[in-house]
Amino acid sequence: MSAHPRPLIGWPLLPLPDAHGALAWPDLATSVRDGIRAILSTRPGEQLMRPEFGGGLDRLLHAPNTIATRREMRDLVQDALTRWESRILLDRVEVWEVAGAPSQVRVEIAYRLARSGQAGAMNVTVDLEG
């Protein structure tokens, strides 16, 4: 018998049951939010088998915080979410300046879950200075 505690994950990477035997799978809303974060934080070319996957926001690193940059960021986010997150219906993407932080922008995303129509929203702050 091993003195080491049981690992938190197994191989393949599947959740282990808790003390009551339930698996800790996220609900749909949480899974979608995690998916959106993954899309926006992944650079195209970063995933081996899906080289186009990602938001492409890294292209705007060191870009000036102008209306043109914010429009381009809005378009990149809309295109990436429409292409890669089929579980949502995208209602709105807006990119705003952050008051007092000239190198940062706030991306506001409003969507509905395609399955239930439940509204969801999330904000992401992007630092253009990297």
N, C-alpha and C. Protein backbone atom coordinates (compact mmCIF):
# COMPACT_ATOMS: atom_id res chain seq x y z
N MET A 1 0.84 -1.17 0.00
CA MET A 1 0.00 0.00 0.00
C MET A 1 0.89 1.24 0.00
N SER A 2 0.54 2.19 -0.84
CA SER A 2 1.34 3.39 -1.00
C SER A 2 1.01 4.42 0.08
N ALA A 3 2.03 5.14 0.52
CA ALA A 3 1.84 6.20 1.51
C ALA A 3 1.41 7.50 0.84
N HIS A 4 1.46 7.53 -0.50
CA HIS A 4 1.08 8.74 -1.23
C HIS A 4 -0.43 8.81 -1.37
N PRO A 5 -1.01 10.02 -1.26
CA PRO A 5 -2.45 10.15 -1.46
C PRO A 5 -2.82 9.89 -2.91
N ARG A 6 -4.05 9.57 -3.14
CA ARG A 6 -4.56 9.30 -4.48
C ARG A 6 -4.46 10.57 -5.33
N PRO A 7 -3.99 10.48 -6.59
CA PRO A 7 -3.87 11.68 -7.43
C PRO A 7 -5.24 12.28 -7.71
N LEU A 8 -5.27 13.58 -8.02
CA LEU A 8 -6.52 14.28 -8.28
C LEU A 8 -7.07 13.99 -9.67
N ILE A 9 -6.21 13.56 -10.59
CA ILE A 9 -6.67 13.22 -11.93
C ILE A 9 -6.07 11.88 -12.33
N GLY A 10 -6.66 11.25 -13.28
CA GLY A 10 -6.14 9.98 -13.77
C GLY A 10 -5.80 10.10 -15.24
N TRP A 11 -5.36 9.01 -15.82
CA TRP A 11 -5.03 8.99 -17.24
C TRP A 11 -5.98 8.07 -17.95
N PRO A 12 -6.63 8.41 -19.00
CA PRO A 12 -6.59 9.74 -19.59
C PRO A 12 -7.17 10.76 -18.63
N LEU A 13 -6.95 12.03 -18.90
CA LEU A 13 -7.30 13.08 -17.95
C LEU A 13 -8.81 13.15 -17.73
N LEU A 14 -9.27 12.33 -16.82
CA LEU A 14 -10.68 12.27 -16.47
C LEU A 14 -10.83 12.61 -14.99
N PRO A 15 -11.94 13.22 -14.60
CA PRO A 15 -12.13 13.52 -13.19
C PRO A 15 -12.37 12.25 -12.40
N LEU A 16 -11.95 12.26 -11.16
CA LEU A 16 -12.20 11.14 -10.27
C LEU A 16 -13.44 11.41 -9.44
N PRO A 17 -14.17 10.38 -9.07
CA PRO A 17 -15.37 10.60 -8.26
C PRO A 17 -15.02 11.19 -6.89
N ASP A 18 -15.95 12.02 -6.37
CA ASP A 18 -15.77 12.55 -5.02
C ASP A 18 -16.21 11.51 -4.00
N ALA A 19 -16.29 11.88 -2.75
CA ALA A 19 -16.64 10.95 -1.67
C ALA A 19 -18.02 10.34 -1.86
N HIS A 20 -18.89 11.03 -2.61
CA HIS A 20 -20.25 10.53 -2.83
C HIS A 20 -20.40 9.81 -4.15
N GLY A 21 -19.32 9.68 -4.89
CA GLY A 21 -19.33 8.97 -6.16
C GLY A 21 -19.70 9.82 -7.35
N ALA A 22 -19.88 11.12 -7.16
CA ALA A 22 -20.24 12.01 -8.27
C ALA A 22 -18.99 12.52 -8.98
N LEU A 23 -19.08 12.64 -10.29
CA LEU A 23 -17.98 13.20 -11.06
C LEU A 23 -18.12 14.72 -11.09
N ALA A 24 -17.02 15.42 -11.05
CA ALA A 24 -17.04 16.88 -10.98
C ALA A 24 -16.98 17.50 -12.37
N TRP A 25 -17.98 17.26 -13.21
CA TRP A 25 -18.05 17.87 -14.52
C TRP A 25 -18.64 19.26 -14.38
N PRO A 26 -18.14 20.23 -15.15
CA PRO A 26 -18.73 21.57 -15.05
C PRO A 26 -20.10 21.61 -15.73
N ASP A 27 -20.95 22.53 -15.29
CA ASP A 27 -22.23 22.70 -15.97
C ASP A 27 -21.98 23.40 -17.31
N LEU A 28 -23.00 23.49 -18.14
CA LEU A 28 -22.84 24.03 -19.49
C LEU A 28 -22.35 25.47 -19.48
N ALA A 29 -22.93 26.31 -18.62
CA ALA A 29 -22.54 27.72 -18.58
C ALA A 29 -21.07 27.88 -18.21
N THR A 30 -20.59 27.11 -17.25
CA THR A 30 -19.19 27.18 -16.85
C THR A 30 -18.29 26.66 -17.95
N SER A 31 -18.68 25.59 -18.60
CA SER A 31 -17.90 25.02 -19.69
C SER A 31 -17.78 26.02 -20.85
N VAL A 32 -18.86 26.72 -21.16
CA VAL A 32 -18.83 27.71 -22.24
C VAL A 32 -17.91 28.86 -21.88
N ARG A 33 -17.99 29.36 -20.65
CA ARG A 33 -17.10 30.45 -20.22
C ARG A 33 -15.64 30.02 -20.32
N ASP A 34 -15.35 28.79 -19.88
CA ASP A 34 -13.98 28.28 -19.99
C ASP A 34 -13.56 28.16 -21.45
N GLY A 35 -14.49 27.75 -22.32
CA GLY A 35 -14.19 27.64 -23.74
C GLY A 35 -13.88 28.99 -24.37
N ILE A 36 -14.65 30.01 -23.99
CA ILE A 36 -14.42 31.36 -24.51
C ILE A 36 -13.04 31.85 -24.07
N ARG A 37 -12.71 31.62 -22.80
CA ARG A 37 -11.38 32.02 -22.31
C ARG A 37 -10.27 31.32 -23.08
N ALA A 38 -10.46 30.02 -23.34
CA ALA A 38 -9.44 29.25 -24.07
C ALA A 38 -9.28 29.78 -25.49
N ILE A 39 -10.38 30.09 -26.14
CA ILE A 39 -10.31 30.60 -27.51
C ILE A 39 -9.56 31.93 -27.55
N LEU A 40 -9.92 32.83 -26.65
CA LEU A 40 -9.32 34.17 -26.68
C LEU A 40 -7.86 34.18 -26.24
N SER A 41 -7.46 33.22 -25.42
CA SER A 41 -6.08 33.22 -24.93
C SER A 41 -5.14 32.34 -25.75
N THR A 42 -5.66 31.68 -26.77
CA THR A 42 -4.84 30.81 -27.62
C THR A 42 -4.45 31.54 -28.89
N ARG A 43 -3.19 31.44 -29.24
CA ARG A 43 -2.70 32.03 -30.48
C ARG A 43 -2.88 31.03 -31.62
N PRO A 44 -3.36 31.48 -32.78
CA PRO A 44 -3.40 30.56 -33.92
C PRO A 44 -2.00 29.98 -34.16
N GLY A 45 -1.97 28.68 -34.40
CA GLY A 45 -0.70 27.98 -34.58
C GLY A 45 -0.20 27.33 -33.31
N GLU A 46 -0.82 27.65 -32.18
CA GLU A 46 -0.37 27.11 -30.89
C GLU A 46 -0.80 25.66 -30.70
N GLN A 47 -1.95 25.27 -31.25
CA GLN A 47 -2.41 23.89 -31.12
C GLN A 47 -1.96 23.10 -32.34
N LEU A 48 -1.36 21.96 -32.07
CA LEU A 48 -0.74 21.16 -33.12
C LEU A 48 -1.74 20.68 -34.18
N MET A 49 -2.85 20.11 -33.76
CA MET A 49 -3.78 19.52 -34.71
C MET A 49 -4.82 20.50 -35.23
N ARG A 50 -4.90 21.69 -34.65
CA ARG A 50 -5.83 22.73 -35.12
C ARG A 50 -5.06 24.04 -35.23
N PRO A 51 -4.26 24.21 -36.26
CA PRO A 51 -3.39 25.39 -36.33
C PRO A 51 -4.15 26.71 -36.48
N GLU A 52 -5.40 26.70 -36.92
CA GLU A 52 -6.16 27.95 -37.06
C GLU A 52 -6.89 28.32 -35.78
N PHE A 53 -6.93 27.42 -34.79
CA PHE A 53 -7.70 27.65 -33.56
C PHE A 53 -7.12 28.82 -32.78
N GLY A 54 -7.99 29.68 -32.28
CA GLY A 54 -7.56 30.77 -31.40
C GLY A 54 -8.15 32.10 -31.81
N GLY A 55 -7.97 33.07 -30.93
CA GLY A 55 -8.55 34.38 -31.15
C GLY A 55 -7.70 35.32 -31.96
N GLY A 56 -6.39 35.13 -31.98
CA GLY A 56 -5.51 35.99 -32.74
C GLY A 56 -5.26 37.34 -32.10
N LEU A 57 -5.61 37.50 -30.83
CA LEU A 57 -5.42 38.79 -30.17
C LEU A 57 -3.95 39.14 -30.00
N ASP A 58 -3.07 38.15 -30.09
CA ASP A 58 -1.63 38.42 -29.97
C ASP A 58 -1.14 39.33 -31.09
N ARG A 59 -1.86 39.37 -32.23
CA ARG A 59 -1.48 40.25 -33.33
C ARG A 59 -1.55 41.72 -32.95
N LEU A 60 -2.35 42.02 -31.92
CA LEU A 60 -2.55 43.42 -31.53
C LEU A 60 -1.67 43.84 -30.37
N LEU A 61 -0.79 42.95 -29.92
CA LEU A 61 0.14 43.33 -28.87
C LEU A 61 1.00 44.48 -29.37
N HIS A 62 1.19 45.45 -28.55
CA HIS A 62 1.97 46.65 -28.85
C HIS A 62 1.31 47.56 -29.88
N ALA A 63 0.05 47.31 -30.21
CA ALA A 63 -0.68 48.22 -31.09
C ALA A 63 -1.16 49.40 -30.26
N PRO A 64 -1.30 50.56 -30.88
CA PRO A 64 -1.80 51.71 -30.12
C PRO A 64 -3.26 51.51 -29.75
N ASN A 65 -3.66 52.08 -28.64
CA ASN A 65 -5.04 51.96 -28.18
C ASN A 65 -5.88 53.02 -28.90
N THR A 66 -6.24 52.69 -30.14
CA THR A 66 -7.02 53.60 -30.97
C THR A 66 -8.35 52.95 -31.32
N ILE A 67 -9.22 53.73 -31.91
CA ILE A 67 -10.51 53.19 -32.34
C ILE A 67 -10.30 52.07 -33.36
N ALA A 68 -9.35 52.24 -34.26
CA ALA A 68 -9.07 51.21 -35.28
C ALA A 68 -8.61 49.91 -34.63
N THR A 69 -7.75 49.99 -33.63
CA THR A 69 -7.28 48.79 -32.93
C THR A 69 -8.44 48.11 -32.20
N ARG A 70 -9.28 48.91 -31.55
CA ARG A 70 -10.42 48.33 -30.82
C ARG A 70 -11.42 47.68 -31.78
N ARG A 71 -11.62 48.29 -32.95
CA ARG A 71 -12.51 47.67 -33.96
C ARG A 71 -11.93 46.35 -34.46
N GLU A 72 -10.63 46.35 -34.71
CA GLU A 72 -9.99 45.12 -35.17
C GLU A 72 -10.09 44.02 -34.11
N MET A 73 -9.92 44.40 -32.84
CA MET A 73 -10.04 43.43 -31.76
C MET A 73 -11.47 42.90 -31.68
N ARG A 74 -12.46 43.78 -31.82
CA ARG A 74 -13.85 43.35 -31.81
C ARG A 74 -14.10 42.35 -32.94
N ASP A 75 -13.59 42.64 -34.12
CA ASP A 75 -13.79 41.74 -35.26
C ASP A 75 -13.11 40.39 -35.04
N LEU A 76 -11.90 40.41 -34.48
CA LEU A 76 -11.19 39.16 -34.20
C LEU A 76 -11.96 38.31 -33.20
N VAL A 77 -12.47 38.94 -32.15
CA VAL A 77 -13.22 38.20 -31.12
C VAL A 77 -14.51 37.63 -31.72
N GLN A 78 -15.25 38.45 -32.46
CA GLN A 78 -16.48 37.97 -33.09
C GLN A 78 -16.22 36.79 -34.02
N ASP A 79 -15.22 36.92 -34.87
CA ASP A 79 -14.90 35.84 -35.82
C ASP A 79 -14.49 34.56 -35.10
N ALA A 80 -13.63 34.69 -34.09
CA ALA A 80 -13.14 33.50 -33.38
C ALA A 80 -14.27 32.80 -32.62
N LEU A 81 -15.10 33.57 -31.93
CA LEU A 81 -16.19 32.95 -31.17
C LEU A 81 -17.24 32.34 -32.08
N THR A 82 -17.53 32.99 -33.18
CA THR A 82 -18.50 32.44 -34.14
C THR A 82 -17.97 31.14 -34.74
N ARG A 83 -16.69 31.10 -35.01
CA ARG A 83 -16.10 29.91 -35.64
C ARG A 83 -15.90 28.76 -34.65
N TRP A 84 -15.41 29.04 -33.44
CA TRP A 84 -14.94 27.99 -32.56
C TRP A 84 -15.86 27.65 -31.40
N GLU A 85 -16.84 28.48 -31.08
CA GLU A 85 -17.72 28.16 -29.94
C GLU A 85 -19.16 28.05 -30.44
N SER A 86 -19.49 26.85 -30.92
CA SER A 86 -20.81 26.63 -31.52
C SER A 86 -21.92 26.50 -30.48
N ARG A 87 -21.57 26.46 -29.20
CA ARG A 87 -22.59 26.32 -28.16
C ARG A 87 -23.23 27.66 -27.79
N ILE A 88 -22.79 28.76 -28.42
CA ILE A 88 -23.36 30.06 -28.11
C ILE A 88 -23.91 30.74 -29.35
N LEU A 89 -24.84 31.66 -29.11
CA LEU A 89 -25.32 32.59 -30.12
C LEU A 89 -24.81 33.95 -29.67
N LEU A 90 -23.94 34.52 -30.43
CA LEU A 90 -23.26 35.76 -30.05
C LEU A 90 -24.21 36.94 -30.26
N ASP A 91 -24.47 37.70 -29.20
CA ASP A 91 -25.33 38.87 -29.29
C ASP A 91 -24.54 40.14 -29.54
N ARG A 92 -23.42 40.29 -28.85
CA ARG A 92 -22.70 41.56 -28.92
C ARG A 92 -21.28 41.39 -28.43
N VAL A 93 -20.36 42.06 -29.11
CA VAL A 93 -18.97 42.19 -28.65
C VAL A 93 -18.62 43.67 -28.74
N GLU A 94 -18.18 44.22 -27.62
CA GLU A 94 -17.77 45.62 -27.60
C GLU A 94 -16.41 45.72 -26.95
N VAL A 95 -15.60 46.63 -27.43
CA VAL A 95 -14.26 46.84 -26.90
C VAL A 95 -14.15 48.30 -26.49
N TRP A 96 -13.81 48.52 -25.21
CA TRP A 96 -13.77 49.87 -24.65
C TRP A 96 -12.40 50.18 -24.06
N GLU A 97 -12.10 51.46 -23.99
CA GLU A 97 -10.91 51.91 -23.26
C GLU A 97 -11.14 51.68 -21.77
N VAL A 98 -10.07 51.46 -21.03
CA VAL A 98 -10.14 51.35 -19.58
C VAL A 98 -9.66 52.69 -19.01
N ALA A 99 -10.53 53.34 -18.24
CA ALA A 99 -10.19 54.65 -17.68
C ALA A 99 -8.97 54.54 -16.77
N GLY A 100 -8.02 55.42 -16.97
CA GLY A 100 -6.82 55.44 -16.13
C GLY A 100 -5.77 54.42 -16.51
N ALA A 101 -6.03 53.61 -17.53
CA ALA A 101 -5.05 52.60 -17.98
C ALA A 101 -4.98 52.68 -19.51
N PRO A 102 -4.15 53.57 -20.05
CA PRO A 102 -4.15 53.79 -21.50
C PRO A 102 -3.72 52.60 -22.34
N SER A 103 -3.05 51.63 -21.75
CA SER A 103 -2.61 50.48 -22.54
C SER A 103 -3.59 49.30 -22.46
N GLN A 104 -4.70 49.47 -21.74
CA GLN A 104 -5.64 48.36 -21.57
C GLN A 104 -6.97 48.65 -22.25
N VAL A 105 -7.61 47.57 -22.71
CA VAL A 105 -8.96 47.64 -23.25
C VAL A 105 -9.80 46.56 -22.58
N ARG A 106 -11.10 46.82 -22.48
CA ARG A 106 -12.02 45.86 -21.89
C ARG A 106 -12.92 45.31 -23.00
N VAL A 107 -12.92 44.01 -23.15
CA VAL A 107 -13.76 43.34 -24.15
C VAL A 107 -14.99 42.82 -23.44
N GLU A 108 -16.16 43.29 -23.85
CA GLU A 108 -17.43 42.85 -23.27
C GLU A 108 -18.12 41.94 -24.28
N ILE A 109 -18.46 40.74 -23.83
CA ILE A 109 -19.07 39.74 -24.70
C ILE A 109 -20.43 39.36 -24.12
N ALA A 110 -21.47 39.50 -24.93
CA ALA A 110 -22.82 39.08 -24.54
C ALA A 110 -23.26 37.97 -25.49
N TYR A 111 -23.80 36.92 -24.92
CA TYR A 111 -24.19 35.76 -25.73
C TYR A 111 -25.36 35.05 -25.07
N ARG A 112 -25.92 34.10 -25.80
CA ARG A 112 -26.94 33.21 -25.27
C ARG A 112 -26.50 31.78 -25.53
N LEU A 113 -26.80 30.89 -24.60
CA LEU A 113 -26.50 29.48 -24.82
C LEU A 113 -27.45 28.96 -25.89
N ALA A 114 -26.90 28.33 -26.92
CA ALA A 114 -27.71 27.86 -28.04
C ALA A 114 -28.75 26.83 -27.60
N ARG A 115 -28.40 26.02 -26.63
CA ARG A 115 -29.29 24.95 -26.20
C ARG A 115 -30.51 25.45 -25.45
N SER A 116 -30.31 26.43 -24.56
CA SER A 116 -31.39 26.86 -23.67
C SER A 116 -31.83 28.30 -23.88
N GLY A 117 -31.02 29.11 -24.56
CA GLY A 117 -31.33 30.52 -24.70
C GLY A 117 -30.95 31.35 -23.49
N GLN A 118 -30.35 30.71 -22.49
CA GLN A 118 -29.93 31.42 -21.27
C GLN A 118 -28.87 32.46 -21.63
N ALA A 119 -29.08 33.69 -21.14
CA ALA A 119 -28.14 34.77 -21.43
C ALA A 119 -26.87 34.61 -20.61
N GLY A 120 -25.77 35.00 -21.20
CA GLY A 120 -24.48 34.98 -20.52
C GLY A 120 -23.66 36.18 -20.97
N ALA A 121 -22.73 36.57 -20.13
CA ALA A 121 -21.86 37.69 -20.47
C ALA A 121 -20.54 37.51 -19.76
N MET A 122 -19.51 38.04 -20.34
CA MET A 122 -18.21 38.04 -19.67
C MET A 122 -17.40 39.22 -20.19
N ASN A 123 -16.51 39.68 -19.33
CA ASN A 123 -15.60 40.77 -19.65
C ASN A 123 -14.18 40.26 -19.55
N VAL A 124 -13.36 40.70 -20.48
CA VAL A 124 -11.95 40.33 -20.48
C VAL A 124 -11.15 41.62 -20.65
N THR A 125 -10.13 41.82 -19.82
CA THR A 125 -9.27 42.97 -19.97
C THR A 125 -8.00 42.53 -20.69
N VAL A 126 -7.64 43.25 -21.74
CA VAL A 126 -6.48 42.92 -22.55
C VAL A 126 -5.47 44.07 -22.42
N ASP A 127 -4.24 43.72 -22.10
CA ASP A 127 -3.18 44.71 -22.00
C ASP A 127 -2.44 44.74 -23.33
N LEU A 128 -2.50 45.84 -24.02
CA LEU A 128 -1.87 45.95 -25.33
C LEU A 128 -0.36 46.05 -25.26
N GLU A 129 0.17 46.36 -24.09
CA GLU A 129 1.63 46.45 -23.95
C GLU A 129 2.27 45.09 -23.76
N GLY A 130 1.47 44.08 -23.44
CA GLY A 130 1.97 42.73 -23.29
C GLY A 130 2.82 42.60 -22.13
